[in-house]
Amino acid sequence: MQIEYFNQITIFTPKDKIYSRLGYSKGITKLNGKQLDEVEGYIEKALEIVELRGVGAILPINKIEASKIILAEGITFASESLAKFLVDSKEVLLMAATSGLKIVEAVSKNSTGKNVTAAVVFDAVASEMTDGALSWIINYFNRQLSRENKQLTPRRFSAGYGDFSLKNQKIIYDILKLGQLGISLSNKYVLIPEKSVTAVAGIGFKQENKE
């Protein structure tokens, strides 16, 4: 198993998703000039302190049972929903991304002070940038896999979803050695800093188009 770390991930700013998270719908909700300038200013400030980093590793699937997935080296995830999700996969990609500590501290500082607007915008930027970093990691591995006529599942699966218990985050944390990204794990299996996420995607062979 080879672990690949990405210490500086650069992505396009997902402005539409950030505004959507803030409750503004394109073409429906309009901001006046002053409001727009304020939000844009906070988005730019947030981008200055977001530090996107990530990691990914591919592991073979040894066996899939009704409610259990057994990977190489005996690594086991207990989850019926994950087993269904990976039913057509031969390997898995375990991945994680973080927006770093500075942006989380900025959210906390502003939310307890007088600038709640800044805190809300910072939080939205951090969430969407972290999600974008996961998509960047998926695209990176998809490019590598395409050489072998393989591809990742369009969706990804995270601990805490369905019956894929949050406890599984400890397994992913240990495999990916997330401490190297400055991420720690609470006794309730929550990643710290807050804007850090893990995910699982399946890998299978590309299907030929049949006419």
N, C-alpha and C. Protein backbone atom coordinates (compact mmCIF):
# COMPACT_ATOMS: atom_id res chain seq x y z
N MET A 1 0.85 -1.20 0.00
CA MET A 1 0.00 0.00 0.00
C MET A 1 0.88 1.25 0.00
N GLN A 2 0.63 2.12 -0.95
CA GLN A 2 1.37 3.36 -1.04
C GLN A 2 0.46 4.53 -0.68
N ILE A 3 0.92 5.33 0.26
CA ILE A 3 0.15 6.50 0.69
C ILE A 3 0.72 7.74 0.01
N GLU A 4 -0.14 8.52 -0.61
CA GLU A 4 0.30 9.75 -1.27
C GLU A 4 -0.25 10.96 -0.51
N TYR A 5 0.68 11.82 -0.08
CA TYR A 5 0.30 13.04 0.63
C TYR A 5 0.36 14.23 -0.31
N PHE A 6 -0.59 15.14 -0.14
CA PHE A 6 -0.65 16.35 -0.95
C PHE A 6 -0.61 17.54 0.00
N ASN A 7 0.55 18.14 0.12
CA ASN A 7 0.75 19.17 1.13
C ASN A 7 0.31 20.56 0.70
N GLN A 8 -0.04 20.72 -0.55
CA GLN A 8 -0.56 22.01 -1.01
C GLN A 8 -1.50 21.77 -2.19
N ILE A 9 -2.78 21.73 -1.88
CA ILE A 9 -3.79 21.51 -2.92
C ILE A 9 -4.35 22.87 -3.35
N THR A 10 -4.35 23.10 -4.65
CA THR A 10 -4.88 24.35 -5.20
C THR A 10 -6.09 24.05 -6.08
N ILE A 11 -7.21 24.67 -5.77
CA ILE A 11 -8.43 24.46 -6.56
C ILE A 11 -9.07 25.81 -6.88
N PHE A 12 -9.96 25.80 -7.87
CA PHE A 12 -10.74 27.00 -8.15
C PHE A 12 -11.73 27.22 -6.99
N THR A 13 -11.94 28.47 -6.66
CA THR A 13 -12.87 28.78 -5.57
C THR A 13 -14.30 28.49 -6.00
N PRO A 14 -14.99 27.59 -5.30
CA PRO A 14 -16.37 27.22 -5.68
C PRO A 14 -17.38 28.27 -5.19
N LYS A 15 -17.35 29.44 -5.81
CA LYS A 15 -18.16 30.57 -5.34
C LYS A 15 -19.65 30.24 -5.28
N ASP A 16 -20.17 29.58 -6.32
CA ASP A 16 -21.61 29.27 -6.34
C ASP A 16 -21.99 28.41 -5.15
N LYS A 17 -21.15 27.42 -4.83
CA LYS A 17 -21.44 26.53 -3.70
C LYS A 17 -21.33 27.27 -2.37
N ILE A 18 -20.38 28.19 -2.30
CA ILE A 18 -20.21 28.98 -1.07
C ILE A 18 -21.45 29.84 -0.84
N TYR A 19 -21.90 30.53 -1.89
CA TYR A 19 -23.09 31.37 -1.76
C TYR A 19 -24.33 30.54 -1.47
N SER A 20 -24.41 29.37 -2.07
CA SER A 20 -25.55 28.48 -1.81
C SER A 20 -25.56 28.05 -0.35
N ARG A 21 -24.39 27.74 0.18
CA ARG A 21 -24.29 27.35 1.59
C ARG A 21 -24.68 28.51 2.50
N LEU A 22 -24.42 29.72 2.03
CA LEU A 22 -24.78 30.91 2.81
C LEU A 22 -26.26 31.25 2.69
N GLY A 23 -26.97 30.51 1.81
CA GLY A 23 -28.40 30.73 1.67
C GLY A 23 -28.79 31.62 0.52
N TYR A 24 -27.82 31.93 -0.34
CA TYR A 24 -28.11 32.77 -1.50
C TYR A 24 -28.20 31.92 -2.75
N SER A 25 -29.33 31.97 -3.43
CA SER A 25 -29.53 31.19 -4.64
C SER A 25 -29.31 32.06 -5.86
N LYS A 26 -28.46 31.59 -6.77
CA LYS A 26 -28.13 32.34 -7.97
C LYS A 26 -29.40 32.60 -8.79
N GLY A 27 -29.62 33.87 -9.14
CA GLY A 27 -30.77 34.22 -9.96
C GLY A 27 -32.05 34.39 -9.17
N ILE A 28 -32.01 34.06 -7.86
CA ILE A 28 -33.21 34.17 -7.03
C ILE A 28 -32.99 35.19 -5.92
N THR A 29 -31.94 34.97 -5.12
CA THR A 29 -31.62 35.88 -4.03
C THR A 29 -30.57 36.88 -4.49
N LYS A 30 -30.84 38.15 -4.29
CA LYS A 30 -29.89 39.18 -4.72
C LYS A 30 -29.32 39.93 -3.52
N LEU A 31 -28.03 40.23 -3.59
CA LEU A 31 -27.38 41.05 -2.58
C LEU A 31 -27.19 42.45 -3.14
N ASN A 32 -27.36 43.46 -2.29
CA ASN A 32 -27.06 44.80 -2.78
C ASN A 32 -25.54 44.98 -2.83
N GLY A 33 -25.10 46.07 -3.43
CA GLY A 33 -23.67 46.27 -3.64
C GLY A 33 -22.85 46.19 -2.38
N LYS A 34 -23.32 46.81 -1.31
CA LYS A 34 -22.58 46.82 -0.04
C LYS A 34 -22.48 45.41 0.54
N GLN A 35 -23.60 44.68 0.52
CA GLN A 35 -23.61 43.31 1.05
C GLN A 35 -22.67 42.41 0.25
N LEU A 36 -22.73 42.55 -1.07
CA LEU A 36 -21.89 41.73 -1.94
C LEU A 36 -20.41 42.01 -1.69
N ASP A 37 -20.06 43.27 -1.56
CA ASP A 37 -18.67 43.63 -1.30
C ASP A 37 -18.20 43.06 0.03
N GLU A 38 -19.08 43.09 1.03
CA GLU A 38 -18.73 42.58 2.35
C GLU A 38 -18.47 41.07 2.29
N VAL A 39 -19.39 40.34 1.67
CA VAL A 39 -19.23 38.89 1.57
C VAL A 39 -18.00 38.53 0.75
N GLU A 40 -17.81 39.20 -0.37
CA GLU A 40 -16.65 38.93 -1.22
C GLU A 40 -15.35 39.20 -0.46
N GLY A 41 -15.35 40.25 0.34
CA GLY A 41 -14.17 40.57 1.13
C GLY A 41 -13.84 39.47 2.13
N TYR A 42 -14.87 38.93 2.77
CA TYR A 42 -14.66 37.85 3.74
C TYR A 42 -14.23 36.56 3.04
N ILE A 43 -14.76 36.32 1.85
CA ILE A 43 -14.34 35.14 1.09
C ILE A 43 -12.85 35.23 0.78
N GLU A 44 -12.40 36.41 0.35
CA GLU A 44 -10.99 36.59 0.03
C GLU A 44 -10.11 36.42 1.27
N LYS A 45 -10.57 36.95 2.40
CA LYS A 45 -9.81 36.79 3.65
C LYS A 45 -9.71 35.32 4.03
N ALA A 46 -10.82 34.61 3.86
CA ALA A 46 -10.83 33.18 4.20
C ALA A 46 -9.85 32.41 3.33
N LEU A 47 -9.84 32.72 2.04
CA LEU A 47 -8.95 32.02 1.11
C LEU A 47 -7.48 32.24 1.46
N GLU A 48 -7.18 33.37 2.09
CA GLU A 48 -5.80 33.67 2.47
C GLU A 48 -5.31 32.77 3.59
N ILE A 49 -6.22 32.26 4.40
CA ILE A 49 -5.79 31.44 5.55
C ILE A 49 -6.17 29.96 5.44
N VAL A 50 -6.95 29.62 4.41
CA VAL A 50 -7.23 28.19 4.18
C VAL A 50 -5.95 27.51 3.70
N GLU A 51 -5.63 26.38 4.28
CA GLU A 51 -4.45 25.61 3.89
C GLU A 51 -4.89 24.20 3.53
N LEU A 52 -5.22 24.00 2.26
CA LEU A 52 -5.74 22.71 1.81
C LEU A 52 -4.63 21.68 1.71
N ARG A 53 -4.83 20.57 2.40
CA ARG A 53 -3.91 19.44 2.33
C ARG A 53 -4.73 18.16 2.27
N GLY A 54 -4.13 17.10 1.77
CA GLY A 54 -4.87 15.85 1.66
C GLY A 54 -3.98 14.64 1.53
N VAL A 55 -4.63 13.49 1.45
CA VAL A 55 -3.91 12.22 1.36
C VAL A 55 -4.83 11.18 0.75
N GLY A 56 -4.25 10.19 0.09
CA GLY A 56 -5.04 9.10 -0.46
C GLY A 56 -4.22 7.83 -0.53
N ALA A 57 -4.88 6.70 -0.43
CA ALA A 57 -4.21 5.40 -0.53
C ALA A 57 -5.18 4.38 -1.12
N ILE A 58 -4.67 3.55 -2.02
CA ILE A 58 -5.48 2.50 -2.65
C ILE A 58 -5.18 1.16 -1.99
N LEU A 59 -6.24 0.44 -1.63
CA LEU A 59 -6.11 -0.88 -1.02
C LEU A 59 -6.98 -1.88 -1.77
N PRO A 60 -6.49 -3.10 -1.97
CA PRO A 60 -7.31 -4.14 -2.60
C PRO A 60 -8.43 -4.59 -1.67
N ILE A 61 -9.55 -4.97 -2.25
CA ILE A 61 -10.64 -5.58 -1.49
C ILE A 61 -10.46 -7.09 -1.54
N ASN A 62 -10.29 -7.71 -0.40
CA ASN A 62 -10.15 -9.17 -0.36
C ASN A 62 -11.49 -9.89 -0.41
N LYS A 63 -12.49 -9.30 0.26
CA LYS A 63 -13.79 -9.98 0.32
C LYS A 63 -14.88 -8.99 0.71
N ILE A 64 -16.05 -9.13 0.09
CA ILE A 64 -17.22 -8.35 0.47
C ILE A 64 -18.32 -9.30 0.90
N GLU A 65 -18.77 -9.16 2.14
CA GLU A 65 -19.87 -9.96 2.66
C GLU A 65 -21.10 -9.06 2.78
N ALA A 66 -22.19 -9.61 3.27
CA ALA A 66 -23.44 -8.85 3.34
C ALA A 66 -23.31 -7.57 4.15
N SER A 67 -22.54 -7.62 5.22
CA SER A 67 -22.41 -6.44 6.08
C SER A 67 -20.96 -6.21 6.51
N LYS A 68 -20.04 -6.62 5.66
CA LYS A 68 -18.63 -6.49 6.03
C LYS A 68 -17.76 -6.39 4.78
N ILE A 69 -16.74 -5.54 4.84
CA ILE A 69 -15.76 -5.42 3.76
C ILE A 69 -14.39 -5.71 4.35
N ILE A 70 -13.70 -6.68 3.77
CA ILE A 70 -12.37 -7.04 4.25
C ILE A 70 -11.34 -6.60 3.21
N LEU A 71 -10.46 -5.71 3.62
CA LEU A 71 -9.43 -5.20 2.73
C LEU A 71 -8.12 -5.95 2.95
N ALA A 72 -7.11 -5.58 2.21
CA ALA A 72 -5.78 -6.16 2.39
C ALA A 72 -5.31 -5.94 3.83
N GLU A 73 -4.45 -6.83 4.28
CA GLU A 73 -3.88 -6.77 5.63
C GLU A 73 -4.93 -6.96 6.71
N GLY A 74 -6.09 -7.53 6.34
CA GLY A 74 -7.12 -7.84 7.32
C GLY A 74 -7.91 -6.65 7.82
N ILE A 75 -7.76 -5.51 7.17
CA ILE A 75 -8.51 -4.31 7.56
C ILE A 75 -9.98 -4.52 7.26
N THR A 76 -10.83 -4.33 8.26
CA THR A 76 -12.25 -4.66 8.11
C THR A 76 -13.16 -3.48 8.46
N PHE A 77 -14.11 -3.20 7.58
CA PHE A 77 -15.16 -2.22 7.85
C PHE A 77 -16.48 -2.98 7.97
N ALA A 78 -17.20 -2.75 9.07
CA ALA A 78 -18.49 -3.39 9.26
C ALA A 78 -19.59 -2.41 8.86
N SER A 79 -20.24 -2.68 7.73
CA SER A 79 -21.30 -1.79 7.26
C SER A 79 -22.01 -2.42 6.07
N GLU A 80 -23.31 -2.64 6.22
CA GLU A 80 -24.10 -3.19 5.12
C GLU A 80 -24.21 -2.19 3.97
N SER A 81 -24.40 -0.92 4.32
CA SER A 81 -24.55 0.10 3.27
C SER A 81 -23.25 0.30 2.50
N LEU A 82 -22.11 0.24 3.18
CA LEU A 82 -20.82 0.36 2.48
C LEU A 82 -20.57 -0.86 1.61
N ALA A 83 -20.96 -2.05 2.10
CA ALA A 83 -20.80 -3.27 1.31
C ALA A 83 -21.59 -3.18 0.00
N LYS A 84 -22.81 -2.65 0.08
CA LYS A 84 -23.62 -2.46 -1.14
C LYS A 84 -22.98 -1.43 -2.06
N PHE A 85 -22.45 -0.38 -1.46
CA PHE A 85 -21.81 0.69 -2.24
C PHE A 85 -20.60 0.17 -3.02
N LEU A 86 -19.87 -0.77 -2.43
CA LEU A 86 -18.63 -1.28 -3.03
C LEU A 86 -18.81 -2.60 -3.77
N VAL A 87 -20.04 -3.04 -3.96
CA VAL A 87 -20.30 -4.39 -4.48
C VAL A 87 -19.62 -4.66 -5.82
N ASP A 88 -19.45 -3.65 -6.66
CA ASP A 88 -18.84 -3.86 -7.98
C ASP A 88 -17.37 -3.42 -8.02
N SER A 89 -16.81 -3.13 -6.85
CA SER A 89 -15.44 -2.62 -6.80
C SER A 89 -14.45 -3.72 -6.44
N LYS A 90 -13.23 -3.58 -6.94
CA LYS A 90 -12.15 -4.53 -6.65
C LYS A 90 -11.13 -3.94 -5.69
N GLU A 91 -11.12 -2.61 -5.60
CA GLU A 91 -10.21 -1.89 -4.71
C GLU A 91 -10.96 -0.71 -4.11
N VAL A 92 -10.35 -0.09 -3.10
CA VAL A 92 -10.93 1.13 -2.53
C VAL A 92 -9.86 2.22 -2.47
N LEU A 93 -10.34 3.44 -2.55
CA LEU A 93 -9.49 4.59 -2.29
C LEU A 93 -9.93 5.18 -0.96
N LEU A 94 -9.02 5.19 0.01
CA LEU A 94 -9.26 5.88 1.27
C LEU A 94 -8.63 7.26 1.15
N MET A 95 -9.34 8.28 1.54
CA MET A 95 -8.82 9.63 1.36
C MET A 95 -9.23 10.54 2.51
N ALA A 96 -8.51 11.65 2.62
CA ALA A 96 -8.83 12.65 3.64
C ALA A 96 -8.36 14.01 3.14
N ALA A 97 -9.03 15.05 3.61
CA ALA A 97 -8.64 16.42 3.26
C ALA A 97 -8.92 17.32 4.46
N THR A 98 -8.18 18.40 4.55
CA THR A 98 -8.37 19.37 5.63
C THR A 98 -8.13 20.78 5.11
N SER A 99 -8.83 21.74 5.70
CA SER A 99 -8.61 23.14 5.33
C SER A 99 -7.66 23.81 6.32
N GLY A 100 -7.17 23.04 7.29
CA GLY A 100 -6.17 23.56 8.21
C GLY A 100 -6.75 24.17 9.48
N LEU A 101 -5.86 24.51 10.39
CA LEU A 101 -6.26 25.02 11.70
C LEU A 101 -6.59 26.51 11.69
N LYS A 102 -5.88 27.29 10.88
CA LYS A 102 -6.04 28.75 10.92
C LYS A 102 -7.46 29.19 10.62
N ILE A 103 -8.08 28.60 9.61
CA ILE A 103 -9.43 29.00 9.24
C ILE A 103 -10.44 28.63 10.32
N VAL A 104 -10.23 27.50 10.98
CA VAL A 104 -11.12 27.08 12.07
C VAL A 104 -10.99 28.03 13.25
N GLU A 105 -9.76 28.44 13.54
CA GLU A 105 -9.55 29.41 14.63
C GLU A 105 -10.19 30.75 14.29
N ALA A 106 -10.14 31.14 13.02
CA ALA A 106 -10.75 32.40 12.60
C ALA A 106 -12.27 32.35 12.74
N VAL A 107 -12.86 31.20 12.42
CA VAL A 107 -14.30 31.03 12.59
C VAL A 107 -14.67 31.17 14.06
N SER A 108 -13.92 30.48 14.91
CA SER A 108 -14.19 30.51 16.35
C SER A 108 -14.03 31.91 16.93
N LYS A 109 -12.97 32.58 16.53
CA LYS A 109 -12.69 33.93 17.04
C LYS A 109 -13.80 34.91 16.67
N ASN A 110 -14.25 34.85 15.44
CA ASN A 110 -15.28 35.80 14.98
C ASN A 110 -16.67 35.44 15.49
N SER A 111 -16.94 34.15 15.68
CA SER A 111 -18.28 33.75 16.13
C SER A 111 -18.52 34.12 17.59
N THR A 112 -17.44 34.24 18.37
CA THR A 112 -17.59 34.61 19.77
C THR A 112 -17.41 36.11 19.97
N GLY A 113 -17.09 36.82 18.89
CA GLY A 113 -16.93 38.26 18.95
C GLY A 113 -18.11 38.97 18.34
N LYS A 114 -17.82 40.10 17.72
CA LYS A 114 -18.89 40.92 17.15
C LYS A 114 -19.12 40.67 15.67
N ASN A 115 -18.22 39.93 15.02
CA ASN A 115 -18.33 39.76 13.57
C ASN A 115 -18.84 38.38 13.21
N VAL A 116 -20.10 38.16 13.47
CA VAL A 116 -20.72 36.86 13.18
C VAL A 116 -20.78 36.62 11.68
N THR A 117 -20.97 37.67 10.90
CA THR A 117 -21.03 37.52 9.44
C THR A 117 -19.74 36.93 8.91
N ALA A 118 -18.61 37.44 9.38
CA ALA A 118 -17.31 36.90 8.95
C ALA A 118 -17.20 35.43 9.32
N ALA A 119 -17.65 35.07 10.51
CA ALA A 119 -17.57 33.67 10.96
C ALA A 119 -18.38 32.76 10.05
N VAL A 120 -19.57 33.20 9.69
CA VAL A 120 -20.45 32.39 8.83
C VAL A 120 -19.83 32.21 7.45
N VAL A 121 -19.28 33.28 6.90
CA VAL A 121 -18.65 33.20 5.57
C VAL A 121 -17.40 32.33 5.63
N PHE A 122 -16.58 32.52 6.64
CA PHE A 122 -15.36 31.71 6.80
C PHE A 122 -15.71 30.23 6.88
N ASP A 123 -16.77 29.93 7.64
CA ASP A 123 -17.19 28.53 7.81
C ASP A 123 -17.63 27.94 6.48
N ALA A 124 -18.40 28.71 5.71
CA ALA A 124 -18.87 28.23 4.41
C ALA A 124 -17.71 28.00 3.45
N VAL A 125 -16.76 28.92 3.44
CA VAL A 125 -15.58 28.78 2.57
C VAL A 125 -14.79 27.53 2.95
N ALA A 126 -14.55 27.35 4.23
CA ALA A 126 -13.77 26.19 4.69
C ALA A 126 -14.45 24.88 4.32
N SER A 127 -15.77 24.82 4.51
CA SER A 127 -16.51 23.59 4.19
C SER A 127 -16.42 23.26 2.71
N GLU A 128 -16.68 24.25 1.86
CA GLU A 128 -16.70 23.99 0.42
C GLU A 128 -15.30 23.77 -0.15
N MET A 129 -14.31 24.43 0.41
CA MET A 129 -12.94 24.22 -0.06
C MET A 129 -12.45 22.82 0.32
N THR A 130 -12.81 22.36 1.51
CA THR A 130 -12.42 21.01 1.92
C THR A 130 -13.09 19.97 1.04
N ASP A 131 -14.37 20.18 0.75
CA ASP A 131 -15.08 19.27 -0.16
C ASP A 131 -14.44 19.30 -1.55
N GLY A 132 -14.05 20.48 -1.98
CA GLY A 132 -13.38 20.61 -3.27
C GLY A 132 -12.03 19.90 -3.29
N ALA A 133 -11.35 19.90 -2.15
CA ALA A 133 -10.06 19.20 -2.06
C ALA A 133 -10.25 17.69 -2.23
N LEU A 134 -11.33 17.15 -1.66
CA LEU A 134 -11.62 15.73 -1.86
C LEU A 134 -11.88 15.43 -3.33
N SER A 135 -12.61 16.31 -3.99
CA SER A 135 -12.86 16.13 -5.43
C SER A 135 -11.55 16.20 -6.22
N TRP A 136 -10.65 17.08 -5.80
CA TRP A 136 -9.33 17.19 -6.44
C TRP A 136 -8.57 15.87 -6.30
N ILE A 137 -8.61 15.27 -5.09
CA ILE A 137 -7.93 14.00 -4.85
C ILE A 137 -8.52 12.90 -5.73
N ILE A 138 -9.85 12.87 -5.83
CA ILE A 138 -10.52 11.88 -6.68
C ILE A 138 -10.08 12.05 -8.13
N ASN A 139 -10.04 13.28 -8.61
CA ASN A 139 -9.62 13.52 -9.99
C ASN A 139 -8.17 13.11 -10.22
N TYR A 140 -7.33 13.35 -9.23
CA TYR A 140 -5.92 12.96 -9.32
C TYR A 140 -5.79 11.45 -9.49
N PHE A 141 -6.47 10.70 -8.63
CA PHE A 141 -6.37 9.24 -8.70
C PHE A 141 -7.07 8.69 -9.95
N ASN A 142 -8.14 9.34 -10.37
CA ASN A 142 -8.81 8.90 -11.60
C ASN A 142 -7.88 8.99 -12.81
N ARG A 143 -7.07 10.02 -12.84
CA ARG A 143 -6.10 10.15 -13.94
C ARG A 143 -5.09 9.02 -13.92
N GLN A 144 -4.65 8.64 -12.73
CA GLN A 144 -3.69 7.53 -12.62
C GLN A 144 -4.35 6.20 -13.00
N LEU A 145 -5.58 6.02 -12.52
CA LEU A 145 -6.28 4.76 -12.75
C LEU A 145 -6.68 4.56 -14.20
N SER A 146 -6.93 5.65 -14.91
CA SER A 146 -7.37 5.53 -16.31
C SER A 146 -6.33 4.82 -17.17
N ARG A 147 -5.07 4.89 -16.77
CA ARG A 147 -4.01 4.20 -17.51
C ARG A 147 -4.16 2.68 -17.43
N GLU A 148 -4.88 2.23 -16.38
CA GLU A 148 -5.11 0.80 -16.20
C GLU A 148 -6.55 0.43 -16.56
N ASN A 149 -7.23 1.34 -17.25
CA ASN A 149 -8.64 1.15 -17.63
C ASN A 149 -9.54 0.99 -16.40
N LYS A 150 -9.19 1.71 -15.33
CA LYS A 150 -9.98 1.67 -14.10
C LYS A 150 -10.53 3.06 -13.82
N GLN A 151 -11.52 3.10 -12.93
CA GLN A 151 -12.09 4.38 -12.54
C GLN A 151 -12.70 4.28 -11.14
N LEU A 152 -12.84 5.44 -10.52
CA LEU A 152 -13.46 5.52 -9.20
C LEU A 152 -14.97 5.64 -9.33
N THR A 153 -15.67 5.24 -8.29
CA THR A 153 -17.12 5.41 -8.26
C THR A 153 -17.44 6.91 -8.29
N PRO A 154 -18.54 7.30 -8.93
CA PRO A 154 -18.90 8.72 -9.01
C PRO A 154 -19.13 9.34 -7.63
N ARG A 155 -19.61 8.52 -6.70
CA ARG A 155 -19.88 9.00 -5.35
C ARG A 155 -18.80 8.55 -4.39
N ARG A 156 -18.78 9.18 -3.23
CA ARG A 156 -17.88 8.75 -2.16
C ARG A 156 -18.70 8.53 -0.89
N PHE A 157 -18.16 7.79 0.03
CA PHE A 157 -18.88 7.35 1.22
C PHE A 157 -18.07 7.76 2.45
N SER A 158 -18.71 8.37 3.43
CA SER A 158 -17.98 8.83 4.61
C SER A 158 -18.48 8.16 5.88
N ALA A 159 -17.58 8.01 6.83
CA ALA A 159 -17.94 7.45 8.14
C ALA A 159 -18.97 8.35 8.80
N GLY A 160 -19.97 7.73 9.41
CA GLY A 160 -21.07 8.48 10.02
C GLY A 160 -22.30 8.50 9.14
N TYR A 161 -22.15 7.99 7.90
CA TYR A 161 -23.28 7.94 6.97
C TYR A 161 -23.91 6.55 7.00
N GLY A 162 -25.24 6.50 7.15
CA GLY A 162 -25.92 5.21 7.21
C GLY A 162 -25.42 4.39 8.39
N ASP A 163 -25.16 3.12 8.16
CA ASP A 163 -24.67 2.26 9.24
C ASP A 163 -23.14 2.17 9.24
N PHE A 164 -22.48 3.05 8.48
CA PHE A 164 -21.01 3.10 8.47
C PHE A 164 -20.59 3.98 9.64
N SER A 165 -20.45 3.34 10.80
CA SER A 165 -20.24 4.05 12.06
C SER A 165 -19.05 5.00 12.02
N LEU A 166 -19.19 6.09 12.78
CA LEU A 166 -18.11 7.06 12.89
C LEU A 166 -16.85 6.43 13.49
N LYS A 167 -17.01 5.32 14.20
CA LYS A 167 -15.85 4.62 14.76
C LYS A 167 -14.87 4.19 13.67
N ASN A 168 -15.38 3.97 12.47
CA ASN A 168 -14.51 3.56 11.36
C ASN A 168 -13.51 4.65 10.98
N GLN A 169 -13.80 5.87 11.42
CA GLN A 169 -12.88 6.96 11.13
C GLN A 169 -11.52 6.71 11.79
N LYS A 170 -11.51 5.99 12.91
CA LYS A 170 -10.25 5.64 13.59
C LYS A 170 -9.41 4.74 12.70
N ILE A 171 -10.05 3.80 12.00
CA ILE A 171 -9.33 2.90 11.10
C ILE A 171 -8.70 3.70 9.96
N ILE A 172 -9.50 4.58 9.35
CA ILE A 172 -9.00 5.40 8.25
C ILE A 172 -7.89 6.32 8.74
N TYR A 173 -8.09 6.89 9.92
CA TYR A 173 -7.09 7.80 10.51
C TYR A 173 -5.74 7.10 10.65
N ASP A 174 -5.78 5.88 11.17
CA ASP A 174 -4.53 5.13 11.39
C ASP A 174 -3.87 4.72 10.08
N ILE A 175 -4.68 4.25 9.12
CA ILE A 175 -4.12 3.81 7.83
C ILE A 175 -3.44 4.96 7.11
N LEU A 176 -4.11 6.11 7.07
CA LEU A 176 -3.59 7.26 6.32
C LEU A 176 -2.60 8.10 7.13
N LYS A 177 -2.43 7.74 8.41
CA LYS A 177 -1.49 8.48 9.26
C LYS A 177 -1.79 9.99 9.20
N LEU A 178 -3.01 10.31 9.54
CA LEU A 178 -3.48 11.69 9.38
C LEU A 178 -2.78 12.69 10.29
N GLY A 179 -2.07 12.19 11.29
CA GLY A 179 -1.28 13.09 12.12
C GLY A 179 -0.27 13.87 11.30
N GLN A 180 0.16 13.29 10.17
CA GLN A 180 1.12 13.96 9.31
C GLN A 180 0.53 15.19 8.62
N LEU A 181 -0.79 15.29 8.61
CA LEU A 181 -1.46 16.47 8.04
C LEU A 181 -1.88 17.45 9.13
N GLY A 182 -1.45 17.18 10.37
CA GLY A 182 -1.84 18.04 11.47
C GLY A 182 -3.23 17.77 11.98
N ILE A 183 -3.76 16.58 11.66
CA ILE A 183 -5.11 16.20 12.09
C ILE A 183 -5.03 15.26 13.28
N SER A 184 -5.86 15.50 14.27
CA SER A 184 -5.97 14.58 15.40
C SER A 184 -7.39 14.02 15.45
N LEU A 185 -7.60 13.06 16.35
CA LEU A 185 -8.90 12.39 16.45
C LEU A 185 -9.37 12.43 17.90
N SER A 186 -10.60 12.91 18.12
CA SER A 186 -11.13 12.98 19.48
C SER A 186 -11.55 11.60 19.95
N ASN A 187 -11.85 11.49 21.25
CA ASN A 187 -12.28 10.19 21.78
C ASN A 187 -13.68 9.80 21.29
N LYS A 188 -14.34 10.73 20.57
CA LYS A 188 -15.63 10.43 19.95
C LYS A 188 -15.48 10.25 18.45
N TYR A 189 -14.23 10.09 18.00
CA TYR A 189 -13.91 9.80 16.59
C TYR A 189 -14.18 10.97 15.65
N VAL A 190 -14.13 12.18 16.20
CA VAL A 190 -14.31 13.38 15.39
C VAL A 190 -12.93 13.94 15.03
N LEU A 191 -12.76 14.32 13.76
CA LEU A 191 -11.48 14.86 13.31
C LEU A 191 -11.30 16.30 13.78
N ILE A 192 -10.06 16.61 14.17
CA ILE A 192 -9.69 17.95 14.60
C ILE A 192 -8.45 18.37 13.80
N PRO A 193 -8.44 19.56 13.16
CA PRO A 193 -9.43 20.64 13.20
C PRO A 193 -10.75 20.26 12.52
N GLU A 194 -11.78 21.03 12.84
CA GLU A 194 -13.14 20.70 12.44
C GLU A 194 -13.31 20.49 10.94
N LYS A 195 -12.76 21.36 10.13
CA LYS A 195 -12.95 21.26 8.68
C LYS A 195 -11.98 20.25 8.07
N SER A 196 -12.08 19.02 8.55
CA SER A 196 -11.29 17.90 8.05
C SER A 196 -12.26 16.75 7.79
N VAL A 197 -12.06 16.03 6.71
CA VAL A 197 -13.00 14.97 6.34
C VAL A 197 -12.25 13.75 5.80
N THR A 198 -12.88 12.59 5.96
CA THR A 198 -12.38 11.36 5.34
C THR A 198 -13.47 10.80 4.44
N ALA A 199 -13.08 9.95 3.51
CA ALA A 199 -14.07 9.35 2.61
C ALA A 199 -13.50 8.09 1.98
N VAL A 200 -14.42 7.27 1.48
CA VAL A 200 -14.08 6.02 0.80
C VAL A 200 -14.73 6.05 -0.58
N ALA A 201 -13.98 5.63 -1.59
CA ALA A 201 -14.54 5.48 -2.94
C ALA A 201 -14.13 4.11 -3.47
N GLY A 202 -14.97 3.52 -4.30
CA GLY A 202 -14.65 2.23 -4.89
C GLY A 202 -13.90 2.38 -6.20
N ILE A 203 -13.17 1.33 -6.58
CA ILE A 203 -12.43 1.32 -7.83
C ILE A 203 -12.79 0.06 -8.61
N GLY A 204 -13.14 0.25 -9.86
CA GLY A 204 -13.44 -0.89 -10.73
C GLY A 204 -12.98 -0.61 -12.14
N PHE A 205 -13.13 -1.59 -13.01
CA PHE A 205 -12.73 -1.42 -14.41
C PHE A 205 -13.79 -0.60 -15.14
N LYS A 206 -13.34 0.20 -16.09
CA LYS A 206 -14.27 0.98 -16.91
C LYS A 206 -15.14 0.04 -17.73
N GLN A 207 -16.39 0.41 -17.85
CA GLN A 207 -17.32 -0.38 -18.65
C GLN A 207 -17.27 0.11 -20.09
N GLU A 208 -17.12 -0.83 -21.02
CA GLU A 208 -17.11 -0.45 -22.43
C GLU A 208 -18.52 -0.10 -22.88
N ASN A 209 -18.61 0.94 -23.67
CA ASN A 209 -19.92 1.34 -24.22
C ASN A 209 -20.37 0.35 -25.28
N LYS A 210 -21.56 -0.17 -25.10
CA LYS A 210 -22.10 -1.13 -26.07
C LYS A 210 -23.19 -0.46 -26.89
N GLU A 211 -23.05 -0.51 -28.19
CA GLU A 211 -24.05 0.11 -29.06
C GLU A 211 -25.06 -0.94 -29.52
